Amino acid sequence: MSGFVICPACGTRIKAGREHCLKCFAILPRPDEPVRVPLSESLGLSKQSQIVLGALGLAVVGGLLYVILTTKSPTADADLLPPTSSGASGSSLSAGAISRLRGGPRTTTTC
């Protein structure tokens, strides 16, 4: 057995073949096992960079939540809906048109 392994708990380099770390007594991985390196370490991010990226991510999520919660759902266009009041003055539709919209009989008028 040649080579070394890295203790996942404390980062100490230990000769391969040992079962536990000589410094912190944590169980060591087998030498043929791949080591999972944290993403921040593999990208080479410092603690300060991690904090800045975390704060930026939190701000983006907060902004999206604000937009989602403050956006009103679309409503039907008022011009496309028939008037709801029956016989109210100032209505732009005649009584016959309102009756037809509601499914009533058609009335004919003579000029």
C-alpha atoms as a PDB file:
ATOM      1  CA  MET A   1       0.000   0.000   0.000  1.00  0.00           C
ATOM      2  CA  SER A   2       1.508   3.265  -1.095  1.00  0.00           C
ATOM      3  CA  GLY A   3       0.187   6.751  -0.884  1.00  0.00           C
ATOM      4  CA  PHE A   4      -1.679   8.809   1.575  1.00  0.00           C
ATOM      5  CA  VAL A   5      -5.261   9.589   2.505  1.00  0.00           C
ATOM      6  CA  ILE A   6      -6.685  12.831   3.853  1.00  0.00           C
ATOM      7  CA  CYS A   7      -8.708  12.748   7.060  1.00  0.00           C
ATOM      8  CA  PRO A   8     -12.205  14.051   6.226  1.00  0.00           C
ATOM      9  CA  ALA A   9     -12.619  15.481   9.740  1.00  0.00           C
ATOM     10  CA  CYS A  10      -9.396  17.422  10.296  1.00  0.00           C
ATOM     11  CA  GLY A  11      -7.601  17.399   6.930  1.00  0.00           C
ATOM     12  CA  THR A  12      -4.460  15.652   8.175  1.00  0.00           C
ATOM     13  CA  ARG A  13      -2.504  13.644   5.614  1.00  0.00           C
ATOM     14  CA  ILE A  14      -2.159  10.050   6.876  1.00  0.00           C
ATOM     15  CA  LYS A  15      -0.371   7.075   5.351  1.00  0.00           C
ATOM     16  CA  ALA A  16      -2.805   4.834   3.492  1.00  0.00           C
ATOM     17  CA  GLY A  17      -3.854   1.638   5.236  1.00  0.00           C
ATOM     18  CA  ARG A  18      -4.684   3.066   8.655  1.00  0.00           C
ATOM     19  CA  GLU A  19      -8.219   2.712   9.959  1.00  0.00           C
ATOM     20  CA  HIS A  20      -8.402   5.983  11.898  1.00  0.00           C
ATOM     21  CA  CYS A  21      -6.719   9.388  12.015  1.00  0.00           C
ATOM     22  CA  LEU A  22      -3.809   9.655  14.399  1.00  0.00           C
ATOM     23  CA  LYS A  23      -4.690  13.265  15.216  1.00  0.00           C
ATOM     24  CA  CYS A  24      -8.490  13.289  15.712  1.00  0.00           C
ATOM     25  CA  PHE A  25      -9.258   9.529  15.705  1.00  0.00           C
ATOM     26  CA  ALA A  26     -11.903   9.840  12.969  1.00  0.00           C
ATOM     27  CA  ILE A  27     -12.458   6.842  10.704  1.00  0.00           C
ATOM     28  CA  LEU A  28     -10.422   7.220   7.505  1.00  0.00           C
ATOM     29  CA  PRO A  29     -11.715   6.407   4.019  1.00  0.00           C
ATOM     30  CA  ARG A  30     -10.191   3.500   2.143  1.00  0.00           C
ATOM     31  CA  PRO A  31      -7.431   4.556  -0.267  1.00  0.00           C
ATOM     32  CA  ASP A  32      -9.330   3.291  -3.327  1.00  0.00           C
ATOM     33  CA  GLU A  33     -12.490   5.237  -2.343  1.00  0.00           C
ATOM     34  CA  PRO A  34     -12.975   8.568  -4.148  1.00  0.00           C
ATOM     35  CA  VAL A  35     -12.928  11.570  -1.831  1.00  0.00           C
ATOM     36  CA  ARG A  36     -15.880  13.970  -2.001  1.00  0.00           C
ATOM     37  CA  VAL A  37     -14.571  17.501  -1.910  1.00  0.00           C
ATOM     38  CA  PRO A  38     -16.999  20.288  -0.927  1.00  0.00           C
ATOM     39  CA  LEU A  39     -18.096  22.478  -3.844  1.00  0.00           C
ATOM     40  CA  SER A  40     -16.727  25.649  -2.267  1.00  0.00           C
ATOM     41  CA  GLU A  41     -13.323  24.030  -1.835  1.00  0.00           C
ATOM     42  CA  SER A  42     -13.235  22.647  -5.373  1.00  0.00           C
ATOM     43  CA  LEU A  43     -14.111  26.118  -6.734  1.00  0.00           C
ATOM     44  CA  GLY A  44     -11.481  27.716  -4.541  1.00  0.00           C
ATOM     45  CA  LEU A  45     -13.887  30.088  -2.785  1.00  0.00           C
ATOM     46  CA  SER A  46     -12.775  31.844   0.370  1.00  0.00           C
ATOM     47  CA  LYS A  47     -15.085  32.205   3.369  1.00  0.00           C
ATOM     48  CA  GLN A  48     -15.715  35.829   2.401  1.00  0.00           C
ATOM     49  CA  SER A  49     -16.676  34.818  -1.144  1.00  0.00           C
ATOM     50  CA  GLN A  50     -19.026  32.152   0.236  1.00  0.00           C
ATOM     51  CA  ILE A  51     -20.734  34.745   2.449  1.00  0.00           C
ATOM     52  CA  VAL A  52     -21.097  37.221  -0.429  1.00  0.00           C
ATOM     53  CA  LEU A  53     -22.530  34.552  -2.756  1.00  0.00           C
ATOM     54  CA  GLY A  54     -24.916  33.374  -0.033  1.00  0.00           C
ATOM     55  CA  ALA A  55     -26.138  36.925   0.600  1.00  0.00           C
ATOM     56  CA  LEU A  56     -26.550  37.528  -3.139  1.00  0.00           C
ATOM     57  CA  GLY A  57     -28.527  34.298  -3.536  1.00  0.00           C
ATOM     58  CA  LEU A  58     -30.738  35.236  -0.595  1.00  0.00           C
ATOM     59  CA  ALA A  59     -31.380  38.681  -2.103  1.00  0.00           C
ATOM     60  CA  VAL A  60     -32.357  37.134  -5.454  1.00  0.00           C
ATOM     61  CA  VAL A  61     -34.754  34.678  -3.801  1.00  0.00           C
ATOM     62  CA  GLY A  62     -36.241  37.482  -1.683  1.00  0.00           C
ATOM     63  CA  GLY A  63     -36.730  39.664  -4.757  1.00  0.00           C
ATOM     64  CA  LEU A  64     -38.464  36.874  -6.640  1.00  0.00           C
ATOM     65  CA  LEU A  65     -40.770  36.197  -3.698  1.00  0.00           C
ATOM     66  CA  TYR A  66     -41.620  39.911  -3.487  1.00  0.00           C
ATOM     67  CA  VAL A  67     -42.493  40.041  -7.187  1.00  0.00           C
ATOM     68  CA  ILE A  68     -44.594  36.874  -6.976  1.00  0.00           C
ATOM     69  CA  LEU A  69     -46.498  38.001  -3.891  1.00  0.00           C
ATOM     70  CA  THR A  70     -47.145  41.573  -5.063  1.00  0.00           C
ATOM     71  CA  THR A  71     -48.192  40.755  -8.637  1.00  0.00           C
ATOM     72  CA  LYS A  72     -51.947  40.821  -9.031  1.00  0.00           C
ATOM     73  CA  SER A  73     -53.633  38.046 -10.926  1.00  0.00           C
ATOM     74  CA  PRO A  74     -55.032  39.041 -14.312  1.00  0.00           C
ATOM     75  CA  THR A  75     -58.662  40.107 -14.332  1.00  0.00           C
ATOM     76  CA  ALA A  76     -61.201  40.089 -17.138  1.00  0.00           C
ATOM     77  CA  ASP A  77     -61.430  43.240 -19.193  1.00  0.00           C
ATOM     78  CA  ALA A  78     -64.424  45.315 -18.024  1.00  0.00           C
ATOM     79  CA  ASP A  79     -65.338  46.230 -21.605  1.00  0.00           C
ATOM     80  CA  LEU A  80     -65.912  42.587 -22.496  1.00  0.00           C
ATOM     81  CA  LEU A  81     -68.291  41.812 -19.625  1.00  0.00           C
ATOM     82  CA  PRO A  82     -72.026  42.521 -19.775  1.00  0.00           C
ATOM     83  CA  PRO A  83     -73.310  44.981 -17.175  1.00  0.00           C
ATOM     84  CA  THR A  84     -74.374  43.305 -13.947  1.00  0.00           C
ATOM     85  CA  SER A  85     -76.987  45.832 -12.812  1.00  0.00           C
ATOM     86  CA  SER A  86     -80.479  45.234 -14.151  1.00  0.00           C
ATOM     87  CA  GLY A  87     -82.053  48.325 -15.673  1.00  0.00           C
ATOM     88  CA  ALA A  88     -79.570  50.800 -14.214  1.00  0.00           C
ATOM     89  CA  SER A  89     -79.567  54.217 -15.791  1.00  0.00           C
ATOM     90  CA  GLY A  90     -76.546  55.099 -17.908  1.00  0.00           C
ATOM     91  CA  SER A  91     -76.244  51.592 -19.321  1.00  0.00           C
ATOM     92  CA  SER A  92     -74.708  51.498 -22.775  1.00  0.00           C
ATOM     93  CA  LEU A  93     -76.762  48.425 -23.771  1.00  0.00           C
ATOM     94  CA  SER A  94     -80.463  48.429 -24.503  1.00  0.00           C
ATOM     95  CA  ALA A  95     -82.875  46.225 -22.611  1.00  0.00           C
ATOM     96  CA  GLY A  96     -83.177  43.937 -25.648  1.00  0.00           C
ATOM     97  CA  ALA A  97     -79.411  43.522 -25.901  1.00  0.00           C
ATOM     98  CA  ILE A  98     -79.170  42.657 -22.211  1.00  0.00           C
ATOM     99  CA  SER A  99     -81.988  40.150 -22.640  1.00  0.00           C
ATOM    100  CA  ARG A 100     -80.189  38.531 -25.589  1.00  0.00           C
ATOM    101  CA  LEU A 101     -76.932  38.348 -23.623  1.00  0.00           C
ATOM    102  CA  ARG A 102     -78.760  36.568 -20.842  1.00  0.00           C
ATOM    103  CA  GLY A 103     -80.322  34.131 -23.302  1.00  0.00           C
ATOM    104  CA  GLY A 104     -83.808  35.631 -23.396  1.00  0.00           C
ATOM    105  CA  PRO A 105     -86.092  35.979 -26.438  1.00  0.00           C
ATOM    106  CA  ARG A 106     -85.210  38.439 -29.150  1.00  0.00           C
ATOM    107  CA  THR A 107     -87.353  41.489 -29.459  1.00  0.00           C
ATOM    108  CA  THR A 108     -87.805  43.382 -32.662  1.00  0.00           C
ATOM    109  CA  THR A 109     -88.314  47.093 -32.857  1.00  0.00           C
ATOM    110  CA  THR A 110     -89.677  49.100 -35.761  1.00  0.00           C
ATOM    111  CA  CYS A 111     -88.407  52.488 -36.709  1.00  0.00           C
END
